[in-house]
Amino acid sequence: VYKRQILVRARTGERKYALCVLLATDRLDGNHTVRKKLGARKVSFATADETREMTGMEIGGVTPIAVPSGLPIWIDDVVMQRDYVVLGGGNRESKLKVDPKVLLLQNNAEVVPGLARRR
């Protein structure tokens, strides 16, 4: 089951970021869950430059397994119900197949119910 890792940011006020992990078939609930949890009036996807700056990785290869410890990792609750997940491997060429429990071993990882909406 493929996952998407999406770096989001507050568009107004204090500079805040979070890495969101959800099923590739789902849509991030940015206007409600993410915005409220980030404490921002407006949120958007981080740019490619911001993603490189915050994670050290390129879009399409970001993995929550190696992000800096100060970056919150929010995991949609549905992800944790899978037997395995396929994540970016830190670059655009590699992928990792892991038990989703591995995600909870990361600093600042948190399961967030309703982070994504089913399509």
C-alpha atoms as a PDB file:
ATOM      1  CA  VAL A   1       0.000   0.000   0.000  1.00  0.00           C
ATOM      2  CA  TYR A   2       1.653   3.193  -1.151  1.00  0.00           C
ATOM      3  CA  LYS A   3       1.752   6.262   1.059  1.00  0.00           C
ATOM      4  CA  ARG A   4       2.195   9.914   0.347  1.00  0.00           C
ATOM      5  CA  GLN A   5       4.316  12.116   2.543  1.00  0.00           C
ATOM      6  CA  ILE A   6       3.257  15.734   2.200  1.00  0.00           C
ATOM      7  CA  LEU A   7       5.032  18.631   3.873  1.00  0.00           C
ATOM      8  CA  VAL A   8       2.544  21.362   4.796  1.00  0.00           C
ATOM      9  CA  ARG A   9       3.162  24.849   6.120  1.00  0.00           C
ATOM     10  CA  ALA A  10       1.296  27.703   7.740  1.00  0.00           C
ATOM     11  CA  ARG A  11       0.798  30.445   5.154  1.00  0.00           C
ATOM     12  CA  THR A  12       0.244  33.184   7.714  1.00  0.00           C
ATOM     13  CA  GLY A  13       1.763  33.996  11.088  1.00  0.00           C
ATOM     14  CA  GLU A  14       4.525  31.933  12.648  1.00  0.00           C
ATOM     15  CA  ARG A  15       6.523  29.665  10.326  1.00  0.00           C
ATOM     16  CA  LYS A  16       5.250  26.151  11.116  1.00  0.00           C
ATOM     17  CA  TYR A  17       5.584  22.888   9.212  1.00  0.00           C
ATOM     18  CA  ALA A  18       4.381  19.297   9.565  1.00  0.00           C
ATOM     19  CA  LEU A  19       4.973  16.166   7.521  1.00  0.00           C
ATOM     20  CA  CYS A  20       1.689  14.363   6.851  1.00  0.00           C
ATOM     21  CA  VAL A  21       1.577  10.657   6.004  1.00  0.00           C
ATOM     22  CA  LEU A  22      -1.536   9.264   4.295  1.00  0.00           C
ATOM     23  CA  LEU A  23      -2.625   6.601   1.836  1.00  0.00           C
ATOM     24  CA  ALA A  24      -1.792   7.469  -1.766  1.00  0.00           C
ATOM     25  CA  THR A  25      -5.472   7.020  -2.638  1.00  0.00           C
ATOM     26  CA  ASP A  26      -6.659   9.560  -0.048  1.00  0.00           C
ATOM     27  CA  ARG A  27      -6.757  13.342   0.041  1.00  0.00           C
ATOM     28  CA  LEU A  28      -5.206  15.423   2.820  1.00  0.00           C
ATOM     29  CA  ASP A  29      -7.801  17.363   4.849  1.00  0.00           C
ATOM     30  CA  GLY A  30      -5.850  20.630   4.776  1.00  0.00           C
ATOM     31  CA  ASN A  31      -8.760  22.992   5.249  1.00  0.00           C
ATOM     32  CA  HIS A  32      -9.946  21.406   8.472  1.00  0.00           C
ATOM     33  CA  THR A  33      -7.802  18.891  10.358  1.00  0.00           C
ATOM     34  CA  VAL A  34      -4.371  20.141   9.253  1.00  0.00           C
ATOM     35  CA  ARG A  35      -5.216  23.827   9.617  1.00  0.00           C
ATOM     36  CA  LYS A  36      -6.597  23.372  13.138  1.00  0.00           C
ATOM     37  CA  LYS A  37      -3.784  21.107  14.298  1.00  0.00           C
ATOM     38  CA  LEU A  38      -1.127  23.450  12.908  1.00  0.00           C
ATOM     39  CA  GLY A  39      -2.872  26.396  14.570  1.00  0.00           C
ATOM     40  CA  ALA A  40      -2.914  28.390  11.358  1.00  0.00           C
ATOM     41  CA  ARG A  41      -5.562  30.425   9.583  1.00  0.00           C
ATOM     42  CA  LYS A  42      -4.368  29.122   6.208  1.00  0.00           C
ATOM     43  CA  VAL A  43      -2.133  26.229   5.177  1.00  0.00           C
ATOM     44  CA  SER A  44      -0.566  25.139   1.908  1.00  0.00           C
ATOM     45  CA  PHE A  45       1.836  22.548   0.575  1.00  0.00           C
ATOM     46  CA  ALA A  46       5.477  23.428   1.083  1.00  0.00           C
ATOM     47  CA  THR A  47       7.445  24.319  -2.023  1.00  0.00           C
ATOM     48  CA  ALA A  48      10.175  22.067  -3.407  1.00  0.00           C
ATOM     49  CA  ASP A  49      12.791  24.417  -1.912  1.00  0.00           C
ATOM     50  CA  GLU A  50      11.102  24.383   1.507  1.00  0.00           C
ATOM     51  CA  THR A  51      10.854  20.609   1.377  1.00  0.00           C
ATOM     52  CA  ARG A  52      14.594  20.297   0.673  1.00  0.00           C
ATOM     53  CA  GLU A  53      15.374  22.818   3.424  1.00  0.00           C
ATOM     54  CA  MET A  54      13.170  21.135   6.045  1.00  0.00           C
ATOM     55  CA  THR A  55      13.823  17.467   5.228  1.00  0.00           C
ATOM     56  CA  GLY A  56      17.033  17.330   3.212  1.00  0.00           C
ATOM     57  CA  MET A  57      15.129  15.294   0.601  1.00  0.00           C
ATOM     58  CA  GLU A  58      13.505  15.874  -2.763  1.00  0.00           C
ATOM     59  CA  ILE A  59       9.741  15.820  -3.319  1.00  0.00           C
ATOM     60  CA  GLY A  60       8.826  12.303  -4.414  1.00  0.00           C
ATOM     61  CA  GLY A  61      11.421  10.729  -2.149  1.00  0.00           C
ATOM     62  CA  VAL A  62      10.672  12.181   1.286  1.00  0.00           C
ATOM     63  CA  THR A  63      10.542   9.539   4.000  1.00  0.00           C
ATOM     64  CA  PRO A  64       9.306  10.137   7.543  1.00  0.00           C
ATOM     65  CA  ILE A  65      11.996   7.755   8.769  1.00  0.00           C
ATOM     66  CA  ALA A  66      14.790  10.302   8.357  1.00  0.00           C
ATOM     67  CA  VAL A  67      13.303  13.765   8.905  1.00  0.00           C
ATOM     68  CA  PRO A  68      14.869  16.134  11.453  1.00  0.00           C
ATOM     69  CA  SER A  69      13.619  15.536  15.002  1.00  0.00           C
ATOM     70  CA  GLY A  70      11.972  18.974  15.281  1.00  0.00           C
ATOM     71  CA  LEU A  71       9.567  18.353  12.404  1.00  0.00           C
ATOM     72  CA  PRO A  72       6.202  16.921  13.506  1.00  0.00           C
ATOM     73  CA  ILE A  73       5.099  13.760  11.671  1.00  0.00           C
ATOM     74  CA  TRP A  74       1.325  13.338  11.513  1.00  0.00           C
ATOM     75  CA  ILE A  75       0.067   9.931  10.417  1.00  0.00           C
ATOM     76  CA  ASP A  76      -3.493   9.337   9.262  1.00  0.00           C
ATOM     77  CA  ASP A  77      -5.069   6.643  11.453  1.00  0.00           C
ATOM     78  CA  VAL A  78      -5.970   4.502   8.413  1.00  0.00           C
ATOM     79  CA  VAL A  79      -2.266   4.087   7.618  1.00  0.00           C
ATOM     80  CA  MET A  80      -1.779   2.232  10.902  1.00  0.00           C
ATOM     81  CA  GLN A  81      -4.406  -0.364   9.926  1.00  0.00           C
ATOM     82  CA  ARG A  82      -2.303  -1.706   7.024  1.00  0.00           C
ATOM     83  CA  ASP A  83      -0.050  -4.768   7.161  1.00  0.00           C
ATOM     84  CA  TYR A  84       2.733  -2.840   5.449  1.00  0.00           C
ATOM     85  CA  VAL A  85       3.323   0.528   3.793  1.00  0.00           C
ATOM     86  CA  VAL A  86       5.607   1.654   0.968  1.00  0.00           C
ATOM     87  CA  LEU A  87       7.396   4.919   1.728  1.00  0.00           C
ATOM     88  CA  GLY A  88       9.822   7.153  -0.098  1.00  0.00           C
ATOM     89  CA  GLY A  89      13.374   6.013   0.458  1.00  0.00           C
ATOM     90  CA  GLY A  90      14.979   9.425   0.911  1.00  0.00           C
ATOM     91  CA  ASN A  91      15.476   9.934  -2.826  1.00  0.00           C
ATOM     92  CA  ARG A  92      13.317   9.663  -5.923  1.00  0.00           C
ATOM     93  CA  GLU A  93      14.707   6.257  -6.938  1.00  0.00           C
ATOM     94  CA  SER A  94      14.256   4.256  -3.723  1.00  0.00           C
ATOM     95  CA  LYS A  95      11.237   2.990  -1.806  1.00  0.00           C
ATOM     96  CA  LEU A  96      10.940   1.270   1.577  1.00  0.00           C
ATOM     97  CA  LYS A  97       8.408  -1.459   2.437  1.00  0.00           C
ATOM     98  CA  VAL A  98       7.879  -1.399   6.212  1.00  0.00           C
ATOM     99  CA  ASP A  99       5.440  -2.276   8.964  1.00  0.00           C
ATOM    100  CA  PRO A 100       3.527   0.954   9.731  1.00  0.00           C
ATOM    101  CA  LYS A 101       4.507   0.610  13.414  1.00  0.00           C
ATOM    102  CA  VAL A 102       7.982   1.760  12.335  1.00  0.00           C
ATOM    103  CA  LEU A 103       6.490   5.218  11.788  1.00  0.00           C
ATOM    104  CA  LEU A 104       5.672   5.525  15.488  1.00  0.00           C
ATOM    105  CA  LEU A 105       9.338   5.009  16.390  1.00  0.00           C
ATOM    106  CA  GLN A 106      10.190   8.369  14.824  1.00  0.00           C
ATOM    107  CA  ASN A 107      10.628  11.513  16.909  1.00  0.00           C
ATOM    108  CA  ASN A 108       7.522  13.695  16.956  1.00  0.00           C
ATOM    109  CA  ALA A 109       5.341  11.028  15.260  1.00  0.00           C
ATOM    110  CA  GLU A 110       1.649  11.117  16.099  1.00  0.00           C
ATOM    111  CA  VAL A 111      -1.424   9.329  14.752  1.00  0.00           C
ATOM    112  CA  VAL A 112      -4.057  11.906  13.770  1.00  0.00           C
ATOM    113  CA  PRO A 113      -7.588  10.607  13.159  1.00  0.00           C
ATOM    114  CA  GLY A 114      -9.232  12.308  10.187  1.00  0.00           C
ATOM    115  CA  LEU A 115      -5.987  13.659   8.732  1.00  0.00           C
ATOM    116  CA  ALA A 116      -7.112  12.451   5.304  1.00  0.00           C
ATOM    117  CA  ARG A 117     -10.390  12.023   3.501  1.00  0.00           C
ATOM    118  CA  ARG A 118     -11.196   8.876   1.585  1.00  0.00           C
ATOM    119  CA  ARG A 119     -11.764   9.302  -2.158  1.00  0.00           C
END
